[in-house]
Every structure is written in C-alpha cells, then in structure tokens.
N, C-alpha and C. Protein backbone atom coordinates (compact mmCIF):
# COMPACT_ATOMS: atom_id res chain seq x y z
N MET A 1 22.40 58.02 1.60
CA MET A 1 21.72 57.24 2.92
C MET A 1 20.28 57.03 2.00
N LYS A 2 19.54 57.20 0.63
CA LYS A 2 18.56 57.10 0.52
C LYS A 2 18.87 55.45 -0.24
N LYS A 3 19.96 55.17 -0.89
CA LYS A 3 20.00 54.03 -1.54
C LYS A 3 20.48 53.37 -0.48
N PHE A 4 20.64 53.56 0.76
CA PHE A 4 21.36 52.35 1.60
C PHE A 4 19.93 52.01 2.59
N ILE A 5 19.25 52.50 2.58
CA ILE A 5 17.57 52.27 3.16
C ILE A 5 16.54 52.07 2.11
N LEU A 6 16.57 51.86 0.79
CA LEU A 6 16.48 51.25 -0.23
C LEU A 6 17.13 49.88 -0.27
N LEU A 7 18.26 49.59 -0.05
CA LEU A 7 18.86 47.94 0.28
C LEU A 7 18.26 47.37 1.03
N ILE A 8 18.78 47.94 2.45
CA ILE A 8 17.75 47.54 3.43
C ILE A 8 16.38 47.01 3.79
N ILE A 9 15.71 47.81 3.01
CA ILE A 9 14.07 47.38 2.69
C ILE A 9 14.26 46.14 1.73
N LEU A 10 14.27 46.31 0.15
CA LEU A 10 14.41 45.14 -0.26
C LEU A 10 14.95 43.37 0.20
N THR A 11 16.57 44.08 1.13
CA THR A 11 17.20 42.91 1.79
C THR A 11 15.94 42.23 2.67
N ILE A 12 15.07 42.88 3.39
CA ILE A 12 14.15 42.46 4.23
C ILE A 12 12.61 41.95 3.36
N LEU A 13 12.39 42.79 2.64
CA LEU A 13 11.67 41.62 1.75
C LEU A 13 12.11 40.51 1.27
N ALA A 14 13.38 40.65 0.81
CA ALA A 14 13.09 39.49 0.25
C ALA A 14 13.80 38.10 1.46
N ILE A 15 13.78 38.45 2.59
CA ILE A 15 13.97 37.62 3.56
C ILE A 15 12.63 37.32 4.26
N SER A 16 11.45 38.18 4.51
CA SER A 16 10.65 37.93 4.59
C SER A 16 9.16 36.80 3.63
N SER A 17 10.34 37.13 2.15
CA SER A 17 9.11 36.27 1.28
C SER A 17 9.75 35.32 1.40
N CYS A 18 10.56 34.26 1.89
CA CYS A 18 11.14 32.97 1.80
C CYS A 18 10.28 31.97 2.89
N GLU A 19 9.89 30.85 2.15
CA GLU A 19 9.35 30.22 2.86
C GLU A 19 10.43 28.50 3.47
N LYS A 20 9.09 28.15 4.31
CA LYS A 20 10.49 26.83 5.04
C LYS A 20 9.92 25.72 3.32
N ASP A 21 11.12 24.64 3.32
CA ASP A 21 11.17 24.04 2.55
C ASP A 21 10.19 22.82 2.80
N ASP A 22 8.96 22.40 2.13
CA ASP A 22 8.30 21.80 1.87
C ASP A 22 8.40 19.64 1.71
N ILE A 23 9.04 19.65 2.70
CA ILE A 23 9.16 18.31 2.53
C ILE A 23 8.54 17.85 2.90
N CYS A 24 7.49 16.32 2.72
CA CYS A 24 6.83 15.48 3.42
C CYS A 24 7.64 14.39 3.96
N LEU A 25 7.45 14.18 5.27
CA LEU A 25 7.78 13.30 6.37
C LEU A 25 6.63 12.47 6.94
N GLU A 26 5.59 12.74 5.86
CA GLU A 26 4.40 12.46 6.66
C GLU A 26 4.11 11.07 6.07
N ASN A 27 3.00 9.73 6.49
CA ASN A 27 3.01 8.61 5.82
C ASN A 27 2.93 8.72 4.92
N THR A 28 2.93 7.80 3.90
CA THR A 28 1.93 7.69 2.51
C THR A 28 0.56 7.19 2.23
N THR A 29 -0.06 6.49 1.29
CA THR A 29 -1.01 5.87 1.33
C THR A 29 -0.43 4.31 1.13
N PRO A 30 -1.17 3.75 2.65
CA PRO A 30 -1.02 2.03 2.74
C PRO A 30 -0.98 1.40 1.92
N MET A 31 -0.36 0.24 1.75
CA MET A 31 -0.56 -1.05 1.21
C MET A 31 -0.95 -2.14 2.02
N LEU A 32 -1.51 -3.23 0.96
CA LEU A 32 -2.17 -4.10 1.67
C LEU A 32 -0.99 -4.69 2.10
N ILE A 33 -1.08 -5.89 3.19
CA ILE A 33 -0.34 -6.58 3.98
C ILE A 33 -0.76 -8.12 4.14
N ILE A 34 -0.44 -8.84 2.97
CA ILE A 34 -0.98 -10.65 3.10
C ILE A 34 0.54 -11.36 3.49
N ARG A 35 -0.09 -12.41 4.81
CA ARG A 35 0.97 -13.09 5.28
C ARG A 35 0.35 -14.50 4.60
N PHE A 36 1.22 -15.73 4.64
CA PHE A 36 1.03 -17.00 3.90
C PHE A 36 1.40 -17.92 5.35
N ASN A 37 0.50 -18.76 5.60
CA ASN A 37 -0.18 -19.63 7.06
C ASN A 37 -0.33 -21.29 5.96
N ASP A 38 0.33 -22.30 6.88
CA ASP A 38 0.07 -23.36 6.62
C ASP A 38 -1.45 -23.73 6.96
N THR A 39 -1.93 -24.30 6.20
CA THR A 39 -3.42 -24.98 6.79
C THR A 39 -2.92 -26.17 7.69
N ASP A 40 -2.96 -26.72 7.97
CA ASP A 40 -2.25 -27.39 8.85
C ASP A 40 -2.39 -27.50 10.10
N ASN A 41 -1.12 -25.56 9.90
CA ASN A 41 -1.16 -25.33 11.21
C ASN A 41 -0.91 -24.08 11.45
N PRO A 42 -2.06 -23.42 11.11
CA PRO A 42 -2.87 -22.20 10.67
C PRO A 42 -1.89 -20.80 11.43
N THR A 43 -1.50 -21.08 12.61
CA THR A 43 -0.30 -19.89 13.39
C THR A 43 1.00 -20.24 13.17
N GLU A 44 1.19 -20.77 11.93
CA GLU A 44 3.00 -21.04 11.79
C GLU A 44 3.07 -20.52 10.33
N LYS A 45 3.78 -19.16 10.03
CA LYS A 45 4.17 -19.09 9.12
C LYS A 45 4.32 -20.51 7.89
N LYS A 46 4.07 -20.38 6.44
CA LYS A 46 4.71 -20.87 5.86
C LYS A 46 4.95 -20.44 4.33
N ALA A 47 6.46 -20.21 3.92
CA ALA A 47 6.40 -19.60 2.96
C ALA A 47 5.78 -20.40 0.63
N VAL A 48 5.53 -19.37 0.66
CA VAL A 48 4.85 -20.12 -0.92
C VAL A 48 5.99 -19.61 -1.79
N ASN A 49 6.37 -21.47 -2.18
CA ASN A 49 7.12 -21.59 -3.28
C ASN A 49 6.98 -21.19 -5.01
N SER A 50 7.74 -20.39 -5.67
CA SER A 50 7.74 -19.63 -6.60
C SER A 50 6.53 -18.97 -6.87
N LEU A 51 6.91 -18.02 -6.02
CA LEU A 51 5.07 -16.82 -5.93
C LEU A 51 5.78 -15.77 -6.81
N THR A 52 4.83 -15.50 -7.93
CA THR A 52 4.16 -14.71 -8.65
C THR A 52 3.33 -14.29 -8.39
N VAL A 53 3.12 -12.73 -8.39
CA VAL A 53 1.72 -11.50 -8.21
C VAL A 53 2.17 -10.88 -9.20
N TRP A 54 1.24 -10.66 -9.83
CA TRP A 54 0.82 -9.10 -10.47
C TRP A 54 -1.03 -8.67 -10.87
N ALA A 55 -0.60 -7.94 -10.68
CA ALA A 55 -1.97 -7.23 -10.93
C ALA A 55 -2.94 -7.10 -11.93
N VAL A 56 -4.22 -7.37 -12.82
CA VAL A 56 -5.00 -7.51 -13.73
C VAL A 56 -4.41 -6.78 -14.67
N GLY A 57 -3.23 -6.32 -15.43
CA GLY A 57 -3.44 -5.35 -16.51
C GLY A 57 -2.24 -4.03 -15.91
N LYS A 58 -1.05 -5.43 -15.41
CA LYS A 58 -0.03 -4.92 -14.69
C LYS A 58 1.14 -5.22 -15.22
N ASP A 59 2.11 -4.85 -15.23
CA ASP A 59 3.23 -5.77 -14.23
C ASP A 59 3.32 -6.70 -13.21
N SER A 60 4.36 -7.74 -13.06
CA SER A 60 4.56 -8.40 -11.89
C SER A 60 5.39 -7.73 -10.87
N LEU A 61 4.53 -8.27 -9.79
CA LEU A 61 5.26 -7.19 -8.43
C LEU A 61 6.11 -8.14 -7.37
N TYR A 62 5.79 -9.11 -7.69
CA TYR A 62 7.13 -10.45 -7.30
C TYR A 62 7.35 -11.33 -8.40
N THR A 63 8.15 -11.70 -8.67
CA THR A 63 8.79 -12.79 -9.64
C THR A 63 9.02 -14.03 -9.29
N ASN A 64 8.70 -15.22 -8.86
CA ASN A 64 9.25 -16.36 -8.56
C ASN A 64 10.24 -16.26 -7.40
N LYS A 65 9.59 -15.99 -6.57
CA LYS A 65 10.16 -15.61 -5.35
C LYS A 65 9.85 -16.93 -4.14
N SER A 66 10.34 -16.85 -3.20
CA SER A 66 9.70 -17.42 -1.90
C SER A 66 9.90 -17.02 -0.51
N LEU A 67 8.53 -16.70 -0.72
CA LEU A 67 7.92 -15.06 0.56
C LEU A 67 6.50 -16.05 1.37
N ASP A 68 6.86 -15.68 2.17
CA ASP A 68 6.11 -15.95 3.81
C ASP A 68 4.67 -14.86 3.88
N SER A 69 5.36 -13.73 3.07
CA SER A 69 4.37 -12.46 3.68
C SER A 69 4.80 -11.47 2.08
N ILE A 70 3.72 -10.27 1.72
CA ILE A 70 3.98 -9.70 0.83
C ILE A 70 3.17 -8.47 0.92
N VAL A 71 3.72 -7.50 -0.15
CA VAL A 71 2.66 -5.46 0.19
C VAL A 71 2.33 -5.70 -1.10
N LEU A 72 1.30 -4.98 -1.12
CA LEU A 72 0.96 -5.07 -2.53
C LEU A 72 -0.17 -3.78 -2.56
N PRO A 73 0.41 -2.49 -3.57
CA PRO A 73 -0.44 -1.45 -3.67
C PRO A 73 -1.84 -1.84 -4.00
N LEU A 74 -2.56 -1.21 -3.71
CA LEU A 74 -4.38 -1.27 -4.23
C LEU A 74 -4.62 0.15 -5.19
N ASN A 75 -5.48 -0.49 -6.01
CA ASN A 75 -5.55 0.67 -7.41
C ASN A 75 -6.54 2.02 -6.43
N LEU A 76 -6.07 3.13 -6.21
CA LEU A 76 -6.44 4.32 -5.84
C LEU A 76 -7.85 5.02 -6.72
N ASN A 77 -8.03 4.32 -7.96
CA ASN A 77 -9.13 4.73 -8.93
C ASN A 77 -10.00 4.12 -9.06
N GLU A 78 -9.84 2.94 -8.44
CA GLU A 78 -11.12 2.22 -8.50
C GLU A 78 -11.41 1.61 -6.97
N ASN A 79 -13.08 0.81 -6.64
CA ASN A 79 -13.53 0.55 -5.22
C ASN A 79 -12.67 -1.04 -5.32
N ASN A 80 -11.65 -1.40 -6.16
CA ASN A 80 -10.93 -3.26 -6.19
C ASN A 80 -10.11 -3.18 -6.65
N THR A 81 -9.01 -4.56 -6.70
CA THR A 81 -7.98 -4.53 -7.46
C THR A 81 -8.04 -6.19 -7.78
N ILE A 82 -7.78 -6.61 -8.49
CA ILE A 82 -7.71 -8.25 -8.78
C ILE A 82 -6.33 -8.34 -9.17
N PHE A 83 -5.75 -9.17 -8.07
CA PHE A 83 -4.97 -9.78 -8.34
C PHE A 83 -4.64 -11.43 -8.90
N LYS A 84 -3.50 -11.63 -9.86
CA LYS A 84 -3.15 -12.93 -10.09
C LYS A 84 -2.06 -13.12 -9.48
N PHE A 85 -2.00 -15.03 -8.85
CA PHE A 85 -0.69 -15.08 -7.70
C PHE A 85 -0.67 -16.23 -7.88
N ARG A 86 0.55 -16.81 -8.60
CA ARG A 86 0.64 -18.17 -9.33
C ARG A 86 1.84 -18.70 -8.29
N SER A 87 1.70 -20.01 -7.53
CA SER A 87 2.32 -20.51 -7.50
C SER A 87 3.18 -22.03 -7.82
N ASP A 88 4.05 -22.85 -8.48
CA ASP A 88 4.08 -23.40 -9.34
C ASP A 88 3.48 -23.74 -10.24
N GLU A 89 3.48 -22.68 -10.91
CA GLU A 89 2.40 -22.40 -12.57
C GLU A 89 0.68 -22.77 -12.28
N ILE A 90 0.52 -23.21 -10.24
CA ILE A 90 -1.31 -23.04 -10.96
C ILE A 90 -1.07 -21.71 -10.68
N ILE A 91 -2.44 -21.01 -10.79
CA ILE A 91 -2.76 -19.84 -11.23
C ILE A 91 -4.17 -19.12 -10.12
N ASP A 92 -4.22 -18.64 -8.94
CA ASP A 92 -5.60 -18.42 -8.20
C ASP A 92 -5.61 -16.29 -8.25
N GLU A 93 -7.06 -16.27 -8.27
CA GLU A 93 -7.17 -14.83 -8.83
C GLU A 93 -7.93 -14.73 -7.01
N ILE A 94 -7.34 -13.54 -7.38
CA ILE A 94 -7.90 -12.87 -5.94
C ILE A 94 -8.39 -11.35 -5.93
N ASP A 95 -9.42 -11.67 -5.58
CA ASP A 95 -10.07 -9.79 -5.81
C ASP A 95 -10.84 -9.21 -4.62
N VAL A 96 -9.75 -7.88 -4.28
CA VAL A 96 -9.52 -7.58 -3.32
C VAL A 96 -10.44 -6.06 -3.41
N THR A 97 -12.16 -6.20 -2.26
CA THR A 97 -12.67 -4.79 -2.89
C THR A 97 -12.92 -3.82 -1.23
N TYR A 98 -12.85 -2.61 -2.02
CA TYR A 98 -12.78 -2.09 -0.69
C TYR A 98 -13.32 -0.78 -0.91
N ASP A 99 -13.64 0.56 0.16
CA ASP A 99 -14.18 2.16 -0.10
C ASP A 99 -12.93 2.52 0.31
N ARG A 100 -12.85 4.14 -0.65
CA ARG A 100 -11.80 4.56 -0.45
C ARG A 100 -11.48 5.74 0.09
N LYS A 101 -11.32 6.41 1.20
CA LYS A 101 -11.05 7.66 2.01
C LYS A 101 -9.92 8.46 1.84
N ASP A 102 -10.13 9.51 1.10
CA ASP A 102 -9.09 10.34 1.16
C ASP A 102 -8.95 10.96 2.04
N ILE A 103 -7.58 11.28 2.48
CA ILE A 103 -7.08 12.40 3.49
C ILE A 103 -6.36 13.32 3.57
N PHE A 104 -6.61 14.67 3.79
CA PHE A 104 -5.67 15.71 3.59
C PHE A 104 -4.07 15.81 4.59
N ILE A 105 -3.08 15.38 4.25
CA ILE A 105 -2.00 15.36 5.50
C ILE A 105 -1.62 17.11 5.24
N SER A 106 -0.68 17.16 4.54
CA SER A 106 -0.47 19.03 4.97
C SER A 106 -0.43 19.11 3.39
N ARG A 107 0.22 20.50 2.78
CA ARG A 107 0.15 20.76 2.55
C ARG A 107 1.70 20.63 1.02
N SER A 108 2.51 20.14 1.45
CA SER A 108 3.39 19.84 1.24
C SER A 108 3.63 17.96 0.74
N CYS A 109 2.99 17.16 1.29
CA CYS A 109 2.04 15.99 1.43
C CYS A 109 1.33 15.94 0.02
N GLY A 110 0.18 16.28 0.32
CA GLY A 110 -1.01 16.48 -0.47
C GLY A 110 -1.88 15.58 0.47
N PHE A 111 -2.50 14.59 -0.47
CA PHE A 111 -3.58 13.79 0.47
C PHE A 111 -3.26 12.37 0.13
N ILE A 112 -3.27 11.32 1.26
CA ILE A 112 -3.34 10.25 1.05
C ILE A 112 -4.82 9.12 1.36
N THR A 113 -4.83 7.77 1.09
CA THR A 113 -6.02 7.28 0.86
C THR A 113 -6.11 6.27 1.72
N THR A 114 -6.95 6.29 2.49
CA THR A 114 -6.93 4.52 3.63
C THR A 114 -7.85 3.76 2.92
N PHE A 115 -8.18 2.98 3.31
CA PHE A 115 -8.69 1.76 2.88
C PHE A 115 -10.31 1.36 4.22
N GLU A 116 -11.11 0.92 3.43
CA GLU A 116 -12.06 0.51 4.42
C GLU A 116 -12.73 -0.51 3.73
N ASN A 117 -13.77 -1.27 4.90
CA ASN A 117 -14.32 -1.73 4.74
C ASN A 117 -14.21 -3.22 3.69
N LEU A 118 -12.69 -3.40 4.01
CA LEU A 118 -11.79 -4.65 3.19
C LEU A 118 -12.85 -5.91 3.48
N GLN A 119 -12.71 -5.93 1.80
CA GLN A 119 -13.32 -7.22 1.53
C GLN A 119 -12.48 -8.34 0.59
N PHE A 120 -12.68 -10.00 0.62
CA PHE A 120 -11.10 -10.61 -0.28
C PHE A 120 -12.40 -11.85 -0.66
N SER A 121 -11.64 -12.12 -2.23
CA SER A 121 -12.19 -13.03 -2.05
C SER A 121 -11.46 -13.55 -3.80
N SER A 122 -11.09 -15.12 -4.01
CA SER A 122 -10.33 -15.90 -4.25
C SER A 122 -11.07 -16.91 -5.19
N SER A 123 -10.38 -17.09 -6.38
CA SER A 123 -10.72 -18.91 -6.80
C SER A 123 -10.10 -19.79 -5.41
N THR A 124 -9.92 -21.32 -5.94
CA THR A 124 -9.43 -21.68 -4.73
C THR A 124 -8.40 -22.70 -5.70
N ASN A 125 -7.37 -22.66 -5.75
CA ASN A 125 -6.86 -23.64 -7.00
C ASN A 125 -5.45 -24.39 -5.09
N TRP A 126 -4.91 -23.48 -5.46
CA TRP A 126 -3.60 -23.89 -4.45
C TRP A 126 -3.68 -23.28 -3.05
N ILE A 127 -4.58 -21.96 -2.80
CA ILE A 127 -5.19 -21.13 -1.70
C ILE A 127 -6.12 -21.97 -1.40
N LYS A 128 -6.12 -22.45 0.01
CA LYS A 128 -7.09 -23.04 0.62
C LYS A 128 -8.42 -22.27 1.40
N GLY A 129 -7.35 -21.46 2.10
CA GLY A 129 -8.90 -20.61 2.96
C GLY A 129 -7.97 -19.14 3.30
N TYR A 130 -8.19 -18.33 3.55
CA TYR A 130 -7.85 -17.01 4.07
C TYR A 130 -8.99 -16.50 5.81
N SER A 131 -8.20 -15.18 5.85
CA SER A 131 -8.94 -14.68 7.06
C SER A 131 -8.54 -13.06 6.90
N ILE A 132 -9.71 -12.63 6.75
CA ILE A 132 -9.25 -11.05 6.72
C ILE A 132 -9.14 -10.45 8.48
N ASN A 133 -7.84 -10.16 8.56
CA ASN A 133 -7.48 -9.69 9.87
C ASN A 133 -7.66 -8.09 10.70
N ASN A 134 -8.00 -7.46 9.29
CA ASN A 134 -7.82 -6.11 9.70
C ASN A 134 -8.86 -5.55 8.31
N THR A 135 -9.87 -5.21 8.84
CA THR A 135 -11.11 -4.63 7.62
C THR A 135 -10.78 -3.23 6.59
N ILE A 136 -9.32 -2.73 7.93
CA ILE A 136 -9.29 -0.90 7.49
C ILE A 136 -8.22 -1.04 7.23
N ILE A 137 -7.28 -0.18 6.23
CA ILE A 137 -5.62 -0.55 5.67
C ILE A 137 -5.41 1.19 5.90
N GLU A 138 -4.96 1.49 7.02
CA GLU A 138 -4.75 2.67 7.97
C GLU A 138 -2.72 3.02 7.51
N ASN A 139 -2.18 1.75 7.68
CA ASN A 139 -1.05 1.66 8.11
C ASN A 139 -0.27 0.67 7.79
N GLU A 140 0.55 0.60 7.85
CA GLU A 140 1.54 -1.04 7.45
C GLU A 140 2.29 -1.44 8.23
N THR A 141 1.60 -1.29 9.17
CA THR A 141 1.67 -2.49 10.55
C THR A 141 1.46 -3.54 11.23
N ALA A 142 0.65 -4.04 10.65
CA ALA A 142 -0.13 -5.18 11.45
C ALA A 142 -0.79 -6.20 9.36
N THR A 143 -0.81 -7.11 9.62
CA THR A 143 -1.71 -8.07 8.72
C THR A 143 -2.57 -7.61 8.20
N HIS A 144 -2.93 -7.46 6.83
CA HIS A 144 -4.44 -7.39 7.24
C HIS A 144 -4.52 -8.27 6.63
N ILE A 145 -4.29 -9.10 5.30
CA ILE A 145 -5.48 -10.94 5.48
C ILE A 145 -3.99 -11.98 5.83
N THR A 146 -4.92 -13.18 5.80
CA THR A 146 -3.48 -14.24 6.13
C THR A 146 -4.42 -15.16 5.20
N ILE A 147 -3.53 -15.55 3.84
CA ILE A 147 -3.87 -16.40 3.52
C ILE A 147 -3.21 -18.13 3.78
N PHE A 148 -4.25 -19.44 3.16
CA PHE A 148 -3.72 -20.32 4.35
C PHE A 148 -3.18 -21.25 2.78
N HIS A 149 -2.22 -21.97 3.17
CA HIS A 149 -1.96 -22.36 1.49
C HIS A 149 -1.19 -23.82 2.66
C-alpha cells in the first residue's frame, strides 16, 4: 500500500511540474518597407530594373531584381543602417537613422525592437527623391518610405 501511495504522489508531482510549451506566435521585430514610385507620376509604382541592395559591410539582400518594393532589416545594435542601392551599375547610398525601443513580448518571444523618429538621407544618382510615410516602424503592414526614380 505504501508503494502505491508513493507511486501516486510521484505521478502527481511529475504531472504538476510540466509546463506549457513556449511557442512564440507574436510578431517579431519589424523591417523597413520601401516602395519605389515614378518621379513623373508620384502615385504610380515603378519597378527598379536590375536592383541590387546591400547593407554596408554585409551580404546582398537583393541581387539583380526588378522590384517595386522591398523589405529591409535594420541594425539592432546601432541607431542607423547604411544601405547601398545599385540600379544599372549606378549606386546610391542611403542612410537610415532611428531610435530603437526594446519591448518585452513574452517569455517565449523575448524582446522585439521597434524603431521611432525615422530619418532618411540619400545621395542622388538614380534616386530623384523620397517621402517618409511613417516615422515609426512597429509593424510591416504599410510602406515606411517611398523612393521616387
């Protein structure tokens, strides 16, 4: 009988020590969304031919693509990220500056970083202008920057 009671107690302890699986279903750190529009007709999307994009000191994110919008990760350890955009062998440098804000989501997800006070500057070779649509990057549902070419 003592063995039976001991077995029941051990079973109850084993079951009560189990935890729910920690699976992160929340959003992750959002990325910068850039859309390319026509300089002559600013409301119309216009794909960039032979677009190659890379962050300075990093590998290419896009290589020789024809795209009208892109999604770029920002540097989580600095308050700026410098990208190089090449189209038809002409290179523009883009400097994106921001303030980082770490937000605790949950134990399974940890922290995400959102970006505030977004600022943008570029050299103007093939890029003719830009418009900052959202100065806060907290989701990936809308365009943050529009580049005109």
